Amino acid sequence: MKKLVIIGLSIFIFFGCNEKKEEQVEETTSAKSELQKAIKENEEGIHIVDSWVRPAAMNRNTGVFLRVMNHTNENDTLVKAISTIAEKTEVHETFKQGEDMMGMREVEYLVMEAGKVFVFKPMSYHIMLINLNETLTVGKTIDLTLIFKNAGEVKINAVVEDKMPTMKAGEEKEKTEM
């Protein structure tokens, strides 16, 4: 039995050490991202992580999704979002409209509770980019500015990614994680 374990570990180590350089670069990038995220989680202030935007054609609308980490002892309020990538940039919420319909509407502000994470995600709260000035293709990065009552302007970059979830029949909107 010991011999089998030793042989198994030897094979695992041998093949594990022969990974492609691309995989190593991907792992390093992922590890670096996780390290930066962990550092931000321990810093005081408002931090934006995991930001991404859905691909869309010029003159169309799309959504930006992210997590706002409030590492302060006071609530803060998101009062506005700004971007030059679209004619209008608004903070939106998705809501149930009747039995089978969903709607979206602009919200004037959102409170970010002290010590909590507020999640902007598909089928919930999001930043709406209305009438895009250019086509957003996967891999492109856009700039946005979020304006908070206390923290002021927080500039972010969002990468265009195609990772929208699909709705199953009868599925309801999840509540925003806090």
N, C-alpha and C. Protein backbone atom coordinates (compact mmCIF):
# COMPACT_ATOMS: atom_id res chain seq x y z
N MET A 1 0.83 -1.20 0.00
CA MET A 1 0.00 0.00 0.00
C MET A 1 0.87 1.25 0.00
N LYS A 2 1.95 1.23 0.83
CA LYS A 2 2.86 2.37 0.89
C LYS A 2 3.48 2.63 -0.47
N LYS A 3 3.84 1.53 -1.17
CA LYS A 3 4.46 1.68 -2.49
C LYS A 3 3.50 2.35 -3.45
N LEU A 4 2.23 2.00 -3.40
CA LEU A 4 1.24 2.61 -4.29
C LEU A 4 1.10 4.10 -4.02
N VAL A 5 1.09 4.47 -2.75
CA VAL A 5 0.99 5.88 -2.39
C VAL A 5 2.21 6.64 -2.89
N ILE A 6 3.40 6.06 -2.69
CA ILE A 6 4.64 6.71 -3.12
C ILE A 6 4.66 6.84 -4.64
N ILE A 7 4.26 5.80 -5.35
CA ILE A 7 4.22 5.85 -6.81
C ILE A 7 3.22 6.91 -7.27
N GLY A 8 2.05 6.93 -6.64
CA GLY A 8 1.02 7.92 -7.00
C GLY A 8 1.51 9.33 -6.79
N LEU A 9 2.14 9.58 -5.66
CA LEU A 9 2.68 10.92 -5.38
C LEU A 9 3.79 11.28 -6.36
N SER A 10 4.63 10.31 -6.70
CA SER A 10 5.71 10.57 -7.66
C SER A 10 5.15 10.97 -9.01
N ILE A 11 4.13 10.27 -9.47
CA ILE A 11 3.50 10.59 -10.76
C ILE A 11 2.88 11.98 -10.69
N PHE A 12 2.20 12.25 -9.59
CA PHE A 12 1.56 13.56 -9.42
C PHE A 12 2.59 14.68 -9.46
N ILE A 13 3.70 14.50 -8.74
CA ILE A 13 4.75 15.51 -8.70
C ILE A 13 5.39 15.66 -10.07
N PHE A 14 5.67 14.53 -10.74
CA PHE A 14 6.31 14.58 -12.06
C PHE A 14 5.44 15.34 -13.05
N PHE A 15 4.17 14.98 -13.16
CA PHE A 15 3.31 15.64 -14.12
C PHE A 15 2.93 17.06 -13.68
N GLY A 16 2.86 17.27 -12.39
CA GLY A 16 2.55 18.61 -11.88
C GLY A 16 3.66 19.59 -12.19
N CYS A 17 4.90 19.13 -12.26
CA CYS A 17 6.02 20.01 -12.54
C CYS A 17 6.18 20.28 -14.03
N ASN A 18 5.47 19.55 -14.87
CA ASN A 18 5.57 19.73 -16.31
C ASN A 18 4.41 20.54 -16.88
N GLU A 19 3.82 21.42 -16.09
CA GLU A 19 2.71 22.25 -16.56
C GLU A 19 3.19 23.20 -17.63
N LYS A 20 2.29 23.58 -18.51
CA LYS A 20 2.60 24.53 -19.57
C LYS A 20 2.84 25.91 -18.96
N LYS A 21 3.66 26.70 -19.62
CA LYS A 21 3.94 28.05 -19.14
C LYS A 21 2.67 28.88 -19.08
N GLU A 22 1.75 28.68 -20.03
CA GLU A 22 0.51 29.45 -20.05
C GLU A 22 -0.28 29.22 -18.76
N GLU A 23 -0.35 27.98 -18.32
CA GLU A 23 -1.07 27.66 -17.09
C GLU A 23 -0.40 28.31 -15.89
N GLN A 24 0.94 28.34 -15.89
CA GLN A 24 1.66 28.96 -14.79
C GLN A 24 1.40 30.46 -14.75
N VAL A 25 1.37 31.09 -15.94
CA VAL A 25 1.09 32.53 -16.00
C VAL A 25 -0.31 32.80 -15.50
N GLU A 26 -1.28 31.96 -15.92
CA GLU A 26 -2.66 32.12 -15.48
C GLU A 26 -2.77 31.97 -13.97
N GLU A 27 -2.09 30.97 -13.41
CA GLU A 27 -2.12 30.77 -11.96
C GLU A 27 -1.48 31.94 -11.24
N THR A 28 -0.36 32.46 -11.77
CA THR A 28 0.32 33.59 -11.15
C THR A 28 -0.58 34.81 -11.17
N THR A 29 -1.24 35.06 -12.31
CA THR A 29 -2.14 36.20 -12.42
C THR A 29 -3.29 36.06 -11.43
N SER A 30 -3.84 34.86 -11.34
CA SER A 30 -4.94 34.61 -10.41
C SER A 30 -4.49 34.80 -8.96
N ALA A 31 -3.32 34.29 -8.64
CA ALA A 31 -2.79 34.42 -7.28
C ALA A 31 -2.53 35.89 -6.95
N LYS A 32 -2.01 36.64 -7.94
CA LYS A 32 -1.74 38.06 -7.74
C LYS A 32 -3.05 38.80 -7.48
N SER A 33 -4.10 38.47 -8.26
CA SER A 33 -5.41 39.08 -8.10
C SER A 33 -5.97 38.79 -6.71
N GLU A 34 -5.85 37.55 -6.26
CA GLU A 34 -6.35 37.16 -4.94
C GLU A 34 -5.58 37.88 -3.83
N LEU A 35 -4.27 38.04 -4.02
CA LEU A 35 -3.46 38.75 -3.04
C LEU A 35 -3.88 40.21 -2.95
N GLN A 36 -4.06 40.86 -4.12
CA GLN A 36 -4.50 42.25 -4.12
C GLN A 36 -5.86 42.39 -3.46
N LYS A 37 -6.75 41.44 -3.71
CA LYS A 37 -8.08 41.46 -3.11
C LYS A 37 -7.97 41.32 -1.59
N ALA A 38 -7.12 40.42 -1.11
CA ALA A 38 -6.94 40.21 0.32
C ALA A 38 -6.38 41.45 0.99
N ILE A 39 -5.45 42.13 0.31
CA ILE A 39 -4.88 43.36 0.86
C ILE A 39 -5.97 44.41 0.98
N LYS A 40 -6.78 44.57 -0.08
CA LYS A 40 -7.86 45.56 -0.05
C LYS A 40 -8.86 45.25 1.05
N GLU A 41 -9.11 43.96 1.29
CA GLU A 41 -10.08 43.59 2.31
C GLU A 41 -9.64 44.01 3.70
N ASN A 42 -8.33 44.25 3.87
CA ASN A 42 -7.82 44.64 5.18
C ASN A 42 -7.54 46.13 5.29
N GLU A 43 -7.67 46.88 4.19
CA GLU A 43 -7.47 48.32 4.22
C GLU A 43 -8.77 49.01 4.60
N GLU A 44 -8.64 50.15 5.25
CA GLU A 44 -9.83 50.92 5.61
C GLU A 44 -10.27 51.76 4.42
N GLY A 45 -11.57 51.97 4.30
CA GLY A 45 -12.12 52.80 3.23
C GLY A 45 -13.11 52.05 2.36
N ILE A 46 -13.50 52.68 1.26
CA ILE A 46 -14.40 52.07 0.28
C ILE A 46 -13.53 51.46 -0.82
N HIS A 47 -13.76 50.19 -1.12
CA HIS A 47 -12.99 49.50 -2.15
C HIS A 47 -13.94 48.80 -3.11
N ILE A 48 -13.58 48.83 -4.38
CA ILE A 48 -14.36 48.18 -5.42
C ILE A 48 -13.54 46.99 -5.92
N VAL A 49 -14.15 45.80 -5.94
CA VAL A 49 -13.48 44.60 -6.45
C VAL A 49 -14.43 43.85 -7.39
N ASP A 50 -13.84 42.95 -8.15
CA ASP A 50 -14.59 42.06 -9.05
C ASP A 50 -15.48 42.81 -10.04
N SER A 51 -15.01 43.94 -10.56
CA SER A 51 -15.83 44.71 -11.50
C SER A 51 -15.72 44.13 -12.91
N TRP A 52 -16.86 44.05 -13.58
CA TRP A 52 -16.90 43.59 -14.96
C TRP A 52 -18.12 44.18 -15.65
N VAL A 53 -18.06 44.21 -16.98
CA VAL A 53 -19.15 44.76 -17.77
C VAL A 53 -19.52 43.75 -18.85
N ARG A 54 -20.79 43.67 -19.15
CA ARG A 54 -21.29 42.74 -20.16
C ARG A 54 -20.99 43.30 -21.56
N PRO A 55 -20.57 42.44 -22.52
CA PRO A 55 -20.32 42.91 -23.89
C PRO A 55 -21.61 43.47 -24.51
N ALA A 56 -21.46 44.46 -25.38
CA ALA A 56 -22.62 45.04 -26.05
C ALA A 56 -22.15 45.86 -27.26
N ALA A 57 -23.06 46.04 -28.22
CA ALA A 57 -22.77 46.79 -29.43
C ALA A 57 -22.95 48.29 -29.19
N MET A 58 -22.31 49.08 -30.04
CA MET A 58 -22.45 50.53 -30.01
C MET A 58 -23.94 50.90 -30.11
N ASN A 59 -24.34 51.96 -29.43
CA ASN A 59 -25.72 52.46 -29.39
C ASN A 59 -26.68 51.55 -28.62
N ARG A 60 -26.18 50.54 -27.95
CA ARG A 60 -26.99 49.65 -27.13
C ARG A 60 -26.73 49.96 -25.65
N ASN A 61 -27.41 49.23 -24.78
CA ASN A 61 -27.25 49.38 -23.33
C ASN A 61 -26.57 48.14 -22.77
N THR A 62 -25.92 48.30 -21.63
CA THR A 62 -25.32 47.15 -20.95
C THR A 62 -25.19 47.44 -19.45
N GLY A 63 -24.78 46.43 -18.69
CA GLY A 63 -24.65 46.58 -17.25
C GLY A 63 -23.24 46.35 -16.76
N VAL A 64 -22.91 47.04 -15.67
CA VAL A 64 -21.63 46.88 -14.98
C VAL A 64 -21.93 46.26 -13.63
N PHE A 65 -21.13 45.29 -13.24
CA PHE A 65 -21.34 44.55 -11.99
C PHE A 65 -20.06 44.58 -11.18
N LEU A 66 -20.20 44.60 -9.85
CA LEU A 66 -19.03 44.76 -8.97
C LEU A 66 -19.42 44.49 -7.53
N ARG A 67 -18.43 44.58 -6.66
CA ARG A 67 -18.65 44.49 -5.21
C ARG A 67 -18.06 45.74 -4.57
N VAL A 68 -18.85 46.37 -3.72
CA VAL A 68 -18.38 47.54 -2.97
C VAL A 68 -18.12 47.09 -1.54
N MET A 69 -16.87 47.22 -1.11
CA MET A 69 -16.48 46.84 0.24
C MET A 69 -16.35 48.10 1.08
N ASN A 70 -17.19 48.21 2.12
CA ASN A 70 -17.13 49.39 2.99
C ASN A 70 -16.37 49.01 4.26
N HIS A 71 -15.07 49.26 4.24
CA HIS A 71 -14.23 48.97 5.40
C HIS A 71 -14.04 50.22 6.24
N THR A 72 -15.17 50.79 6.65
CA THR A 72 -15.15 51.94 7.55
C THR A 72 -16.12 51.65 8.69
N ASN A 73 -16.16 52.56 9.64
CA ASN A 73 -17.09 52.41 10.77
C ASN A 73 -18.38 53.17 10.56
N GLU A 74 -18.55 53.76 9.35
CA GLU A 74 -19.75 54.54 9.05
C GLU A 74 -20.38 54.09 7.74
N ASN A 75 -21.70 54.14 7.67
CA ASN A 75 -22.38 53.90 6.41
C ASN A 75 -21.95 54.99 5.43
N ASP A 76 -21.93 54.64 4.15
CA ASP A 76 -21.66 55.63 3.11
C ASP A 76 -22.75 55.44 2.05
N THR A 77 -22.96 56.45 1.23
CA THR A 77 -24.04 56.41 0.26
C THR A 77 -23.50 56.63 -1.14
N LEU A 78 -23.79 55.67 -2.04
CA LEU A 78 -23.47 55.83 -3.45
C LEU A 78 -24.54 56.74 -4.04
N VAL A 79 -24.12 57.89 -4.57
CA VAL A 79 -25.09 58.86 -5.08
C VAL A 79 -25.08 58.98 -6.60
N LYS A 80 -24.00 58.48 -7.25
CA LYS A 80 -23.93 58.64 -8.70
C LYS A 80 -22.83 57.78 -9.29
N ALA A 81 -22.99 57.43 -10.56
CA ALA A 81 -21.96 56.75 -11.34
C ALA A 81 -21.74 57.56 -12.60
N ILE A 82 -20.48 57.69 -13.02
CA ILE A 82 -20.14 58.49 -14.20
C ILE A 82 -19.24 57.67 -15.12
N SER A 83 -19.50 57.77 -16.43
CA SER A 83 -18.62 57.15 -17.42
C SER A 83 -18.77 57.90 -18.74
N THR A 84 -17.69 57.99 -19.49
CA THR A 84 -17.74 58.63 -20.81
C THR A 84 -18.00 57.61 -21.91
N ILE A 85 -18.14 56.34 -21.57
CA ILE A 85 -18.34 55.27 -22.55
C ILE A 85 -19.77 55.25 -23.09
N ALA A 86 -20.70 55.92 -22.38
CA ALA A 86 -22.11 55.90 -22.77
C ALA A 86 -22.72 57.29 -22.64
N GLU A 87 -23.84 57.47 -23.32
CA GLU A 87 -24.56 58.75 -23.24
C GLU A 87 -25.02 59.02 -21.82
N LYS A 88 -25.50 57.98 -21.14
CA LYS A 88 -25.95 58.10 -19.74
C LYS A 88 -25.39 56.94 -18.93
N THR A 89 -25.11 57.22 -17.67
CA THR A 89 -24.68 56.19 -16.72
C THR A 89 -25.55 56.35 -15.49
N GLU A 90 -26.25 55.27 -15.13
CA GLU A 90 -27.21 55.32 -14.01
C GLU A 90 -27.05 54.12 -13.10
N VAL A 91 -27.39 54.31 -11.83
CA VAL A 91 -27.45 53.20 -10.88
C VAL A 91 -28.87 52.64 -10.97
N HIS A 92 -28.98 51.33 -11.23
CA HIS A 92 -30.28 50.69 -11.45
C HIS A 92 -30.51 49.53 -10.49
N GLU A 93 -31.78 49.18 -10.38
CA GLU A 93 -32.17 47.95 -9.71
C GLU A 93 -33.12 47.19 -10.63
N THR A 94 -33.09 45.88 -10.52
CA THR A 94 -34.03 45.02 -11.23
C THR A 94 -35.12 44.66 -10.24
N PHE A 95 -36.37 44.68 -10.70
CA PHE A 95 -37.48 44.37 -9.81
C PHE A 95 -38.50 43.50 -10.54
N LYS A 96 -39.30 42.80 -9.77
CA LYS A 96 -40.35 41.96 -10.33
C LYS A 96 -41.54 42.85 -10.65
N GLN A 97 -42.06 42.72 -11.87
CA GLN A 97 -43.16 43.53 -12.34
C GLN A 97 -44.27 42.58 -12.77
N GLY A 98 -45.26 42.39 -11.89
CA GLY A 98 -46.30 41.40 -12.18
C GLY A 98 -45.78 40.00 -11.88
N GLU A 99 -46.45 39.01 -12.44
CA GLU A 99 -46.08 37.62 -12.14
C GLU A 99 -44.90 37.11 -12.95
N ASP A 100 -44.86 37.49 -14.24
CA ASP A 100 -43.84 36.92 -15.13
C ASP A 100 -42.88 37.93 -15.72
N MET A 101 -42.94 39.16 -15.29
CA MET A 101 -42.12 40.20 -15.90
C MET A 101 -41.12 40.77 -14.90
N MET A 102 -39.97 41.15 -15.43
CA MET A 102 -38.96 41.85 -14.65
C MET A 102 -38.80 43.23 -15.25
N GLY A 103 -38.50 44.22 -14.42
CA GLY A 103 -38.27 45.57 -14.90
C GLY A 103 -36.99 46.12 -14.30
N MET A 104 -36.55 47.25 -14.83
CA MET A 104 -35.38 47.94 -14.29
C MET A 104 -35.75 49.39 -14.09
N ARG A 105 -35.18 49.98 -13.05
CA ARG A 105 -35.42 51.40 -12.81
C ARG A 105 -34.20 52.01 -12.13
N GLU A 106 -34.05 53.31 -12.35
CA GLU A 106 -32.95 54.04 -11.73
C GLU A 106 -33.25 54.24 -10.25
N VAL A 107 -32.20 54.20 -9.42
CA VAL A 107 -32.35 54.51 -8.00
C VAL A 107 -31.53 55.77 -7.72
N GLU A 108 -32.04 56.60 -6.82
CA GLU A 108 -31.36 57.87 -6.51
C GLU A 108 -30.07 57.67 -5.73
N TYR A 109 -30.06 56.68 -4.84
CA TYR A 109 -28.88 56.42 -4.02
C TYR A 109 -28.97 55.01 -3.45
N LEU A 110 -27.83 54.50 -2.99
CA LEU A 110 -27.76 53.21 -2.31
C LEU A 110 -26.85 53.36 -1.10
N VAL A 111 -27.30 52.87 0.04
CA VAL A 111 -26.50 52.94 1.26
C VAL A 111 -25.59 51.71 1.34
N MET A 112 -24.30 51.97 1.55
CA MET A 112 -23.30 50.93 1.74
C MET A 112 -23.05 50.85 3.24
N GLU A 113 -23.53 49.80 3.87
CA GLU A 113 -23.42 49.68 5.33
C GLU A 113 -21.98 49.49 5.77
N ALA A 114 -21.65 50.07 6.92
CA ALA A 114 -20.31 49.97 7.50
C ALA A 114 -19.94 48.50 7.72
N GLY A 115 -18.72 48.14 7.31
CA GLY A 115 -18.22 46.79 7.54
C GLY A 115 -18.87 45.72 6.67
N LYS A 116 -19.60 46.11 5.63
CA LYS A 116 -20.30 45.13 4.79
C LYS A 116 -19.84 45.23 3.34
N VAL A 117 -20.25 44.23 2.56
CA VAL A 117 -20.00 44.21 1.12
C VAL A 117 -21.34 44.29 0.42
N PHE A 118 -21.48 45.22 -0.50
CA PHE A 118 -22.70 45.37 -1.30
C PHE A 118 -22.40 44.85 -2.69
N VAL A 119 -23.23 43.92 -3.18
CA VAL A 119 -22.97 43.26 -4.44
C VAL A 119 -23.89 43.78 -5.54
N PHE A 120 -23.29 44.24 -6.62
CA PHE A 120 -24.00 44.60 -7.84
C PHE A 120 -23.87 43.39 -8.75
N LYS A 121 -24.99 42.76 -9.10
CA LYS A 121 -24.92 41.53 -9.89
C LYS A 121 -26.11 41.47 -10.85
N PRO A 122 -26.00 40.61 -11.86
CA PRO A 122 -27.11 40.48 -12.82
C PRO A 122 -28.42 40.16 -12.10
N MET A 123 -29.50 40.72 -12.60
CA MET A 123 -30.85 40.53 -12.06
C MET A 123 -31.01 41.14 -10.67
N SER A 124 -30.21 42.13 -10.35
CA SER A 124 -30.26 42.80 -9.06
C SER A 124 -29.82 44.26 -9.28
N TYR A 125 -29.04 44.80 -8.36
CA TYR A 125 -28.50 46.14 -8.55
C TYR A 125 -27.35 46.09 -9.55
N HIS A 126 -27.21 47.14 -10.36
CA HIS A 126 -26.15 47.23 -11.36
C HIS A 126 -25.98 48.69 -11.80
N ILE A 127 -24.88 48.95 -12.48
CA ILE A 127 -24.65 50.25 -13.10
C ILE A 127 -25.08 50.09 -14.56
N MET A 128 -25.99 50.91 -15.01
CA MET A 128 -26.50 50.81 -16.38
C MET A 128 -25.81 51.83 -17.28
N LEU A 129 -25.22 51.34 -18.37
CA LEU A 129 -24.61 52.19 -19.38
C LEU A 129 -25.61 52.27 -20.53
N ILE A 130 -26.14 53.46 -20.79
CA ILE A 130 -27.21 53.64 -21.76
C ILE A 130 -26.69 54.33 -23.02
N ASN A 131 -26.95 53.71 -24.17
CA ASN A 131 -26.54 54.21 -25.48
C ASN A 131 -25.01 54.33 -25.57
N LEU A 132 -24.36 53.19 -25.66
CA LEU A 132 -22.90 53.12 -25.70
C LEU A 132 -22.31 53.92 -26.86
N ASN A 133 -21.18 54.57 -26.62
CA ASN A 133 -20.48 55.34 -27.65
C ASN A 133 -19.61 54.45 -28.53
N GLU A 134 -19.37 53.22 -28.10
CA GLU A 134 -18.57 52.27 -28.87
C GLU A 134 -18.96 50.85 -28.49
N THR A 135 -18.55 49.90 -29.31
CA THR A 135 -18.83 48.49 -29.05
C THR A 135 -17.89 48.00 -27.94
N LEU A 136 -18.45 47.25 -27.01
CA LEU A 136 -17.66 46.66 -25.92
C LEU A 136 -17.47 45.18 -26.21
N THR A 137 -16.24 44.80 -26.54
CA THR A 137 -15.91 43.41 -26.83
C THR A 137 -15.13 42.81 -25.67
N VAL A 138 -15.22 41.50 -25.55
CA VAL A 138 -14.56 40.78 -24.47
C VAL A 138 -13.07 41.14 -24.42
N GLY A 139 -12.60 41.46 -23.24
CA GLY A 139 -11.20 41.80 -23.01
C GLY A 139 -10.93 43.29 -22.91
N LYS A 140 -11.82 44.10 -23.44
CA LYS A 140 -11.68 45.56 -23.37
C LYS A 140 -11.88 46.00 -21.92
N THR A 141 -11.27 47.12 -21.54
CA THR A 141 -11.45 47.69 -20.20
C THR A 141 -12.06 49.07 -20.32
N ILE A 142 -13.03 49.36 -19.46
CA ILE A 142 -13.64 50.69 -19.43
C ILE A 142 -13.40 51.34 -18.08
N ASP A 143 -13.46 52.67 -18.06
CA ASP A 143 -13.28 53.44 -16.83
C ASP A 143 -14.63 53.94 -16.34
N LEU A 144 -14.82 53.92 -15.04
CA LEU A 144 -16.02 54.45 -14.40
C LEU A 144 -15.59 55.19 -13.14
N THR A 145 -16.45 56.10 -12.71
CA THR A 145 -16.24 56.76 -11.43
C THR A 145 -17.52 56.63 -10.62
N LEU A 146 -17.38 56.13 -9.41
CA LEU A 146 -18.51 56.05 -8.48
C LEU A 146 -18.36 57.20 -7.49
N ILE A 147 -19.45 57.88 -7.21
CA ILE A 147 -19.39 59.02 -6.29
C ILE A 147 -20.17 58.69 -5.03
N PHE A 148 -19.46 58.73 -3.90
CA PHE A 148 -20.03 58.43 -2.60
C PHE A 148 -20.14 59.70 -1.78
N LYS A 149 -21.11 59.75 -0.91
CA LYS A 149 -21.33 60.92 -0.06
C LYS A 149 -20.11 61.22 0.81
N ASN A 150 -19.53 60.22 1.46
CA ASN A 150 -18.39 60.42 2.35
C ASN A 150 -17.05 60.20 1.65
N ALA A 151 -16.92 59.11 0.91
CA ALA A 151 -15.64 58.74 0.30
C ALA A 151 -15.31 59.57 -0.94
N GLY A 152 -16.31 60.24 -1.51
CA GLY A 152 -16.07 61.04 -2.71
C GLY A 152 -15.96 60.16 -3.94
N GLU A 153 -15.10 60.57 -4.87
CA GLU A 153 -14.94 59.84 -6.13
C GLU A 153 -14.05 58.62 -5.96
N VAL A 154 -14.53 57.48 -6.47
CA VAL A 154 -13.74 56.25 -6.49
C VAL A 154 -13.70 55.79 -7.94
N LYS A 155 -12.50 55.87 -8.54
CA LYS A 155 -12.33 55.48 -9.94
C LYS A 155 -12.08 53.98 -10.03
N ILE A 156 -12.72 53.36 -11.02
CA ILE A 156 -12.55 51.92 -11.21
C ILE A 156 -12.40 51.60 -12.69
N ASN A 157 -11.88 50.40 -12.95
CA ASN A 157 -11.82 49.85 -14.29
C ASN A 157 -12.64 48.57 -14.28
N ALA A 158 -13.42 48.37 -15.33
CA ALA A 158 -14.22 47.15 -15.46
C ALA A 158 -13.84 46.47 -16.77
N VAL A 159 -13.54 45.19 -16.70
CA VAL A 159 -13.18 44.41 -17.88
C VAL A 159 -14.45 43.85 -18.51
N VAL A 160 -14.52 43.89 -19.83
CA VAL A 160 -15.66 43.32 -20.54
C VAL A 160 -15.53 41.80 -20.51
N GLU A 161 -16.53 41.14 -19.91
CA GLU A 161 -16.55 39.68 -19.80
C GLU A 161 -17.93 39.17 -20.16
N ASP A 162 -17.98 38.00 -20.76
CA ASP A 162 -19.25 37.39 -21.14
C ASP A 162 -19.59 36.31 -20.12
N LYS A 163 -20.17 36.71 -19.00
CA LYS A 163 -20.48 35.73 -17.95
C LYS A 163 -21.85 35.97 -17.33
N MET A 164 -22.81 36.31 -18.16
CA MET A 164 -24.18 36.51 -17.67
C MET A 164 -24.80 35.16 -17.33
N PRO A 165 -25.46 35.06 -16.19
CA PRO A 165 -26.15 33.82 -15.84
C PRO A 165 -27.43 33.68 -16.67
N THR A 166 -27.92 32.47 -16.76
CA THR A 166 -29.19 32.25 -17.45
C THR A 166 -30.27 32.01 -16.42
N MET A 167 -31.46 32.51 -16.71
CA MET A 167 -32.60 32.34 -15.80
C MET A 167 -33.32 31.04 -16.14
N LYS A 168 -33.67 30.28 -15.13
CA LYS A 168 -34.47 29.09 -15.31
C LYS A 168 -35.92 29.46 -15.06
N ALA A 169 -36.82 28.76 -15.70
CA ALA A 169 -38.25 29.04 -15.54
C ALA A 169 -38.63 29.00 -14.06
N GLY A 170 -39.33 30.03 -13.61
CA GLY A 170 -39.81 30.07 -12.23
C GLY A 170 -38.79 30.57 -11.23
N GLU A 171 -37.57 30.90 -11.69
CA GLU A 171 -36.53 31.35 -10.77
C GLU A 171 -36.75 32.82 -10.42
N GLU A 172 -36.59 33.17 -9.16
CA GLU A 172 -36.79 34.56 -8.72
C GLU A 172 -35.45 35.23 -8.50
N LYS A 173 -35.48 36.55 -8.49
CA LYS A 173 -34.29 37.36 -8.24
C LYS A 173 -33.74 37.08 -6.83
N GLU A 174 -32.42 36.90 -6.77
CA GLU A 174 -31.78 36.73 -5.47
C GLU A 174 -31.67 38.08 -4.80
N LYS A 175 -31.67 38.09 -3.50
CA LYS A 175 -31.47 39.34 -2.77
C LYS A 175 -30.00 39.70 -2.83
N THR A 176 -29.71 40.99 -2.82
CA THR A 176 -28.33 41.44 -2.84
C THR A 176 -27.64 41.02 -1.55
N GLU A 177 -26.44 40.45 -1.71
CA GLU A 177 -25.68 40.02 -0.53
C GLU A 177 -25.15 41.25 0.18
N MET A 178 -25.16 41.19 1.46
CA MET A 178 -24.65 42.31 2.24
C MET A 178 -23.70 41.78 3.27
